[in-house]
Amino acid sequence: MRKLVFSINVTLDGYIDHTAMLADDELHNVSTEFLNSGDIMFFGRRTYQLMEEYWPGAVNDASIPPAMRDFARRIDEIDKIVYSRTLEQANWRNTRLLREVDPAEIARMKEGQGGNLLIAGANLAETFMDLDLIDEYQLLVNPIILGSGTTLFRGRPGRIDLELLGTRSLASGVVVLHYQRVKGASHG
């Protein structure tokens, strides 16, 4: 059975500003490993547009470090599903545009064969959390305190119990925290 896994960079004080995060070779390698664990990535419109603006052109950009090119190649080749009610078309390679999350379809996908199902973007992750679909969380905690901005899990109601699967410290000071949702624990 496939797992639905959400991964995101976050500051020590819980903010999710991608422009403030550390992005060295080691972090790109960790992100590529995450992509390699799956074969479908779900995007919300904002995250999709942000990623689509840069990464397809980086695939063959010899001026960027090899770790970034590896990430660019993998995110370009993975099957992508973008959820949007306003986006007219999704032109990035291997992308399908859907209007809303269908929990029954996600459940069928999880029962299928293949790699994990991956989530990109905090807003979409909240939708999946509300539908009780996320199996694992990977938080890449950056050694940065921003003090303001958009917070991860913006005061969402309800409790989700998690079990720590592992940690990994990177040379930059980023700590990767990997959790799984505790089955049968209260939710919502």
Foldseek 3Di string as FASTA:
>chain_A
DAAEEEEAEAEPVFAGDPVPFDDDLVVLQVLLVVLVQFQEEEEEPVQLVVCVVPLCVLCPPPVDDPSSNSSSVSVQRGAYEYADCPDPDRDRPNYDYDPDDDVVVLVVVRPDDGGHYYYDDQVVVVVCQVVVRHFKYKYFYGHDDDPDDHGRPVPDDWDWDWDWPDWDADPRRTIITMIGTDPPDDTD
